[in-house]
Amino acid sequence: ATLEREDLIAALETLQIQNLLVVGS
């Protein structure tokens, strides 16, 4: 899904994750 950066944290809160890879910044 492509979204605005200000909505990133809200999107991650809905996902059950243990490892996160951030690319580009």
PDB file of all heavy atoms in Angstrom:
ATOM      1  N   ALA A   1       0.854  -1.186   0.000  1.00  0.00           N
ATOM      2  CA  ALA A   1       0.000   0.000   0.000  1.00  0.00           C
ATOM      3  C   ALA A   1       0.887   1.233   0.000  1.00  0.00           C
ATOM      4  O   ALA A   1       1.908   1.281   0.703  1.00  0.00           O
ATOM      5  CB  ALA A   1      -0.912   0.002   1.225  1.00  0.00           C
ATOM      6  N   THR A   2       0.516   2.242  -0.804  1.00  0.00           N
ATOM      7  CA  THR A   2       1.247   3.509  -0.861  1.00  0.00           C
ATOM      8  C   THR A   2       0.407   4.579  -0.164  1.00  0.00           C
ATOM      9  O   THR A   2      -0.774   4.744  -0.474  1.00  0.00           O
ATOM     10  CB  THR A   2       1.529   3.910  -2.317  1.00  0.00           C
ATOM     11  OG1 THR A   2       2.306   2.886  -2.941  1.00  0.00           O
ATOM     12  CG2 THR A   2       2.286   5.222  -2.377  1.00  0.00           C
ATOM     13  N   LEU A   3       1.029   5.285   0.765  1.00  0.00           N
ATOM     14  CA  LEU A   3       0.286   6.279   1.545  1.00  0.00           C
ATOM     15  C   LEU A   3       1.209   7.432   1.916  1.00  0.00           C
ATOM     16  O   LEU A   3       2.423   7.400   1.661  1.00  0.00           O
ATOM     17  CB  LEU A   3      -0.318   5.622   2.800  1.00  0.00           C
ATOM     18  CG  LEU A   3       0.577   4.618   3.570  1.00  0.00           C
ATOM     19  CD1 LEU A   3       1.374   5.301   4.629  1.00  0.00           C
ATOM     20  CD2 LEU A   3      -0.290   3.515   4.153  1.00  0.00           C
ATOM     21  N   GLU A   4       0.609   8.464   2.515  1.00  0.00           N
ATOM     22  CA  GLU A   4       1.381   9.610   2.959  1.00  0.00           C
ATOM     23  C   GLU A   4       2.216   9.217   4.191  1.00  0.00           C
ATOM     24  O   GLU A   4       1.809   8.374   4.997  1.00  0.00           O
ATOM     25  CB  GLU A   4       0.446  10.766   3.310  1.00  0.00           C
ATOM     26  CG  GLU A   4      -0.333  11.317   2.130  1.00  0.00           C
ATOM     27  CD  GLU A   4       0.571  11.906   1.057  1.00  0.00           C
ATOM     28  OE1 GLU A   4       1.575  12.561   1.417  1.00  0.00           O
ATOM     29  OE2 GLU A   4       0.270  11.707  -0.136  1.00  0.00           O
ATOM     30  N   ARG A   5       3.369   9.845   4.312  1.00  0.00           N
ATOM     31  CA  ARG A   5       4.258   9.460   5.406  1.00  0.00           C
ATOM     32  C   ARG A   5       3.631   9.725   6.766  1.00  0.00           C
ATOM     33  O   ARG A   5       3.881   8.982   7.719  1.00  0.00           O
ATOM     34  CB  ARG A   5       5.591  10.199   5.268  1.00  0.00           C
ATOM     35  CG  ARG A   5       6.588   9.791   6.342  1.00  0.00           C
ATOM     36  CD  ARG A   5       7.986  10.209   6.042  1.00  0.00           C
ATOM     37  NE  ARG A   5       8.909   9.769   7.076  1.00  0.00           N
ATOM     38  CZ  ARG A   5      10.240   9.907   7.013  1.00  0.00           C
ATOM     39  NH1 ARG A   5      10.782  10.486   5.938  1.00  0.00           N
ATOM     40  NH2 ARG A   5      11.002   9.484   7.997  1.00  0.00           N
ATOM     41  N   GLU A   6       2.799  10.730   6.876  1.00  0.00           N
ATOM     42  CA  GLU A   6       2.177  11.044   8.163  1.00  0.00           C
ATOM     43  C   GLU A   6       1.235   9.951   8.634  1.00  0.00           C
ATOM     44  O   GLU A   6       0.889   9.875   9.816  1.00  0.00           O
ATOM     45  CB  GLU A   6       1.424  12.367   8.069  1.00  0.00           C
ATOM     46  CG  GLU A   6       0.320  12.361   7.024  1.00  0.00           C
ATOM     47  CD  GLU A   6      -0.285  13.736   6.799  1.00  0.00           C
ATOM     48  OE1 GLU A   6       0.408  14.731   7.082  1.00  0.00           O
ATOM     49  OE2 GLU A   6      -1.442  13.785   6.362  1.00  0.00           O
ATOM     50  N   ASP A   7       0.826   9.078   7.706  1.00  0.00           N
ATOM     51  CA  ASP A   7      -0.065   7.973   8.063  1.00  0.00           C
ATOM     52  C   ASP A   7       0.699   6.669   8.315  1.00  0.00           C
ATOM     53  O   ASP A   7       0.079   5.617   8.530  1.00  0.00           O
ATOM     54  CB  ASP A   7      -1.088   7.735   6.954  1.00  0.00           C
ATOM     55  CG  ASP A   7      -1.979   8.955   6.719  1.00  0.00           C
ATOM     56  OD1 ASP A   7      -2.282   9.638   7.717  1.00  0.00           O
ATOM     57  OD2 ASP A   7      -2.342   9.221   5.556  1.00  0.00           O
ATOM     58  N   LEU A   8       2.041   6.705   8.262  1.00  0.00           N
ATOM     59  CA  LEU A   8       2.836   5.475   8.373  1.00  0.00           C
ATOM     60  C   LEU A   8       2.638   4.788   9.715  1.00  0.00           C
ATOM     61  O   LEU A   8       2.383   3.581   9.780  1.00  0.00           O
ATOM     62  CB  LEU A   8       4.326   5.799   8.150  1.00  0.00           C
ATOM     63  CG  LEU A   8       5.302   4.646   8.395  1.00  0.00           C
ATOM     64  CD1 LEU A   8       5.016   3.487   7.442  1.00  0.00           C
ATOM     65  CD2 LEU A   8       6.748   5.113   8.227  1.00  0.00           C
ATOM     66  N   ILE A   9       2.748   5.500  10.813  1.00  0.00           N
ATOM     67  CA  ILE A   9       2.673   4.884  12.131  1.00  0.00           C
ATOM     68  C   ILE A   9       1.302   4.256  12.357  1.00  0.00           C
ATOM     69  O   ILE A   9       1.185   3.154  12.900  1.00  0.00           O
ATOM     70  CB  ILE A   9       2.979   5.915  13.231  1.00  0.00           C
ATOM     71  CG1 ILE A   9       4.375   6.519  13.003  1.00  0.00           C
ATOM     72  CG2 ILE A   9       2.897   5.266  14.607  1.00  0.00           C
ATOM     73  CD1 ILE A   9       5.482   5.512  12.964  1.00  0.00           C
ATOM     74  N   ALA A  10       0.257   4.939  11.918  1.00  0.00           N
ATOM     75  CA  ALA A  10      -1.097   4.385  12.071  1.00  0.00           C
ATOM     76  C   ALA A  10      -1.234   3.078  11.294  1.00  0.00           C
ATOM     77  O   ALA A  10      -1.886   2.129  11.763  1.00  0.00           O
ATOM     78  CB  ALA A  10      -2.124   5.405  11.599  1.00  0.00           C
ATOM     79  N   ALA A  11      -0.600   2.990  10.102  1.00  0.00           N
ATOM     80  CA  ALA A  11      -0.668   1.760   9.319  1.00  0.00           C
ATOM     81  C   ALA A  11       0.121   0.640   9.985  1.00  0.00           C
ATOM     82  O   ALA A  11      -0.325  -0.527  10.007  1.00  0.00           O
ATOM     83  CB  ALA A  11      -0.138   2.023   7.908  1.00  0.00           C
ATOM     84  N   LEU A  12       1.277   0.968  10.558  1.00  0.00           N
ATOM     85  CA  LEU A  12       2.098  -0.064  11.200  1.00  0.00           C
ATOM     86  C   LEU A  12       1.427  -0.605  12.459  1.00  0.00           C
ATOM     87  O   LEU A  12       1.623  -1.774  12.823  1.00  0.00           O
ATOM     88  CB  LEU A  12       3.483   0.492  11.544  1.00  0.00           C
ATOM     89  CG  LEU A  12       4.388   0.851  10.355  1.00  0.00           C
ATOM     90  CD1 LEU A  12       5.697   1.455  10.850  1.00  0.00           C
ATOM     91  CD2 LEU A  12       4.659  -0.368   9.493  1.00  0.00           C
ATOM     92  N   GLU A  13       0.638   0.227  13.148  1.00  0.00           N
ATOM     93  CA  GLU A  13      -0.035  -0.219  14.358  1.00  0.00           C
ATOM     94  C   GLU A  13      -1.062  -1.311  14.074  1.00  0.00           C
ATOM     95  O   GLU A  13      -1.382  -2.116  14.959  1.00  0.00           O
ATOM     96  CB  GLU A  13      -0.708   0.971  15.054  1.00  0.00           C
ATOM     97  CG  GLU A  13       0.287   1.932  15.706  1.00  0.00           C
ATOM     98  CD  GLU A  13      -0.405   3.134  16.316  1.00  0.00           C
ATOM     99  OE1 GLU A  13      -1.622   3.300  16.053  1.00  0.00           O
ATOM    100  OE2 GLU A  13       0.249   3.902  17.053  1.00  0.00           O
ATOM    101  N   THR A  14      -1.572  -1.329  12.868  1.00  0.00           N
ATOM    102  CA  THR A  14      -2.557  -2.360  12.511  1.00  0.00           C
ATOM    103  C   THR A  14      -1.910  -3.685  12.129  1.00  0.00           C
ATOM    104  O   THR A  14      -2.610  -4.687  11.957  1.00  0.00           O
ATOM    105  CB  THR A  14      -3.426  -1.878  11.339  1.00  0.00           C
ATOM    106  OG1 THR A  14      -2.596  -1.684  10.181  1.00  0.00           O
ATOM    107  CG2 THR A  14      -4.121  -0.566  11.687  1.00  0.00           C
ATOM    108  N   LEU A  15      -0.585  -3.687  11.969  1.00  0.00           N
ATOM    109  CA  LEU A  15       0.134  -4.895  11.540  1.00  0.00           C
ATOM    110  C   LEU A  15       0.832  -5.535  12.726  1.00  0.00           C
ATOM    111  O   LEU A  15       1.363  -4.838  13.596  1.00  0.00           O
ATOM    112  CB  LEU A  15       1.172  -4.551  10.466  1.00  0.00           C
ATOM    113  CG  LEU A  15       0.639  -3.821   9.220  1.00  0.00           C
ATOM    114  CD1 LEU A  15       1.807  -3.460   8.301  1.00  0.00           C
ATOM    115  CD2 LEU A  15      -0.379  -4.672   8.481  1.00  0.00           C
ATOM    116  N   GLN A  16       0.836  -6.819  12.785  1.00  0.00           N
ATOM    117  CA  GLN A  16       1.551  -7.552  13.822  1.00  0.00           C
ATOM    118  C   GLN A  16       2.937  -7.911  13.277  1.00  0.00           C
ATOM    119  O   GLN A  16       3.080  -8.861  12.502  1.00  0.00           O
ATOM    120  CB  GLN A  16       0.782  -8.814  14.227  1.00  0.00           C
ATOM    121  CG  GLN A  16      -0.558  -8.518  14.887  1.00  0.00           C
ATOM    122  CD  GLN A  16      -1.290  -9.794  15.283  1.00  0.00           C
ATOM    123  OE1 GLN A  16      -0.865 -10.891  14.976  1.00  0.00           O
ATOM    124  NE2 GLN A  16      -2.392  -9.614  15.998  1.00  0.00           N
ATOM    125  N   ILE A  17       3.930  -7.156  13.652  1.00  0.00           N
ATOM    126  CA  ILE A  17       5.282  -7.351  13.115  1.00  0.00           C
ATOM    127  C   ILE A  17       6.294  -7.396  14.250  1.00  0.00           C
ATOM    128  O   ILE A  17       6.081  -6.830  15.324  1.00  0.00           O
ATOM    129  CB  ILE A  17       5.667  -6.222  12.134  1.00  0.00           C
ATOM    130  CG1 ILE A  17       5.598  -4.851  12.820  1.00  0.00           C
ATOM    131  CG2 ILE A  17       4.778  -6.256  10.903  1.00  0.00           C
ATOM    132  CD1 ILE A  17       6.065  -3.711  11.954  1.00  0.00           C
ATOM    133  N   GLN A  18       7.390  -8.084  13.983  1.00  0.00           N
ATOM    134  CA  GLN A  18       8.507  -8.131  14.913  1.00  0.00           C
ATOM    135  C   GLN A  18       9.779  -7.544  14.306  1.00  0.00           C
ATOM    136  O   GLN A  18      10.670  -7.119  15.029  1.00  0.00           O
ATOM    137  CB  GLN A  18       8.782  -9.580  15.353  1.00  0.00           C
ATOM    138  CG  GLN A  18       7.662 -10.190  16.186  1.00  0.00           C
ATOM    139  CD  GLN A  18       7.978 -11.610  16.583  1.00  0.00           C
ATOM    140  OE1 GLN A  18       8.872 -12.243  16.026  1.00  0.00           O
ATOM    141  NE2 GLN A  18       7.243 -12.120  17.572  1.00  0.00           N
ATOM    142  N   ASN A  19       9.857  -7.563  12.952  1.00  0.00           N
ATOM    143  CA  ASN A  19      11.025  -7.020  12.249  1.00  0.00           C
ATOM    144  C   ASN A  19      10.548  -6.024  11.201  1.00  0.00           C
ATOM    145  O   ASN A  19       9.653  -6.332  10.394  1.00  0.00           O
ATOM    146  CB  ASN A  19      11.816  -8.135  11.569  1.00  0.00           C
ATOM    147  CG  ASN A  19      12.394  -9.122  12.563  1.00  0.00           C
ATOM    148  OD1 ASN A  19      13.348  -8.818  13.263  1.00  0.00           O
ATOM    149  ND2 ASN A  19      11.789 -10.304  12.641  1.00  0.00           N
ATOM    150  N   LEU A  20      11.163  -4.860  11.187  1.00  0.00           N
ATOM    151  CA  LEU A  20      10.794  -3.798  10.248  1.00  0.00           C
ATOM    152  C   LEU A  20      12.057  -3.328   9.520  1.00  0.00           C
ATOM    153  O   LEU A  20      13.054  -2.981  10.156  1.00  0.00           O
ATOM    154  CB  LEU A  20      10.148  -2.631  10.987  1.00  0.00           C
ATOM    155  CG  LEU A  20       9.828  -1.391  10.135  1.00  0.00           C
ATOM    156  CD1 LEU A  20       8.774  -1.722   9.068  1.00  0.00           C
ATOM    157  CD2 LEU A  20       9.370  -0.241  11.013  1.00  0.00           C
ATOM    158  N   LEU A  21      11.995  -3.335   8.189  1.00  0.00           N
ATOM    159  CA  LEU A  21      13.097  -2.822   7.380  1.00  0.00           C
ATOM    160  C   LEU A  21      12.662  -1.517   6.735  1.00  0.00           C
ATOM    161  O   LEU A  21      11.648  -1.479   6.021  1.00  0.00           O
ATOM    162  CB  LEU A  21      13.499  -3.831   6.294  1.00  0.00           C
ATOM    163  CG  LEU A  21      14.573  -3.372   5.313  1.00  0.00           C
ATOM    164  CD1 LEU A  21      15.895  -3.117   6.038  1.00  0.00           C
ATOM    165  CD2 LEU A  21      14.768  -4.381   4.192  1.00  0.00           C
ATOM    166  N   VAL A  22      13.419  -0.456   6.977  1.00  0.00           N
ATOM    167  CA  VAL A  22      13.128   0.859   6.418  1.00  0.00           C
ATOM    168  C   VAL A  22      14.153   1.124   5.315  1.00  0.00           C
ATOM    169  O   VAL A  22      15.369   1.092   5.565  1.00  0.00           O
ATOM    170  CB  VAL A  22      13.189   1.949   7.494  1.00  0.00           C
ATOM    171  CG1 VAL A  22      12.889   3.315   6.884  1.00  0.00           C
ATOM    172  CG2 VAL A  22      12.220   1.628   8.611  1.00  0.00           C
ATOM    173  N   VAL A  23      13.678   1.418   4.117  1.00  0.00           N
ATOM    174  CA  VAL A  23      14.541   1.586   2.948  1.00  0.00           C
ATOM    175  C   VAL A  23      14.403   3.005   2.415  1.00  0.00           C
ATOM    176  O   VAL A  23      13.286   3.522   2.276  1.00  0.00           O
ATOM    177  CB  VAL A  23      14.182   0.564   1.837  1.00  0.00           C
ATOM    178  CG1 VAL A  23      15.075   0.758   0.624  1.00  0.00           C
ATOM    179  CG2 VAL A  23      14.299  -0.861   2.361  1.00  0.00           C
ATOM    180  N   GLY A  24      15.537   3.627   2.108  1.00  0.00           N
ATOM    181  CA  GLY A  24      15.531   4.921   1.447  1.00  0.00           C
ATOM    182  C   GLY A  24      15.706   6.094   2.372  1.00  0.00           C
ATOM    183  O   GLY A  24      16.025   7.208   1.927  1.00  0.00           O
ATOM    184  N   SER A  25      15.483   5.922   3.671  1.00  0.00           N
ATOM    185  CA  SER A  25      15.613   7.019   4.627  1.00  0.00           C
ATOM    186  C   SER A  25      15.620   6.430   6.029  1.00  0.00           C
ATOM    187  O   SER A  25      15.606   5.195   6.196  1.00  0.00           O
ATOM    188  CB  SER A  25      14.470   8.028   4.461  1.00  0.00           C
ATOM    189  OG  SER A  25      14.629   9.113   5.359  1.00  0.00           O
TER     190      SER A  25
END
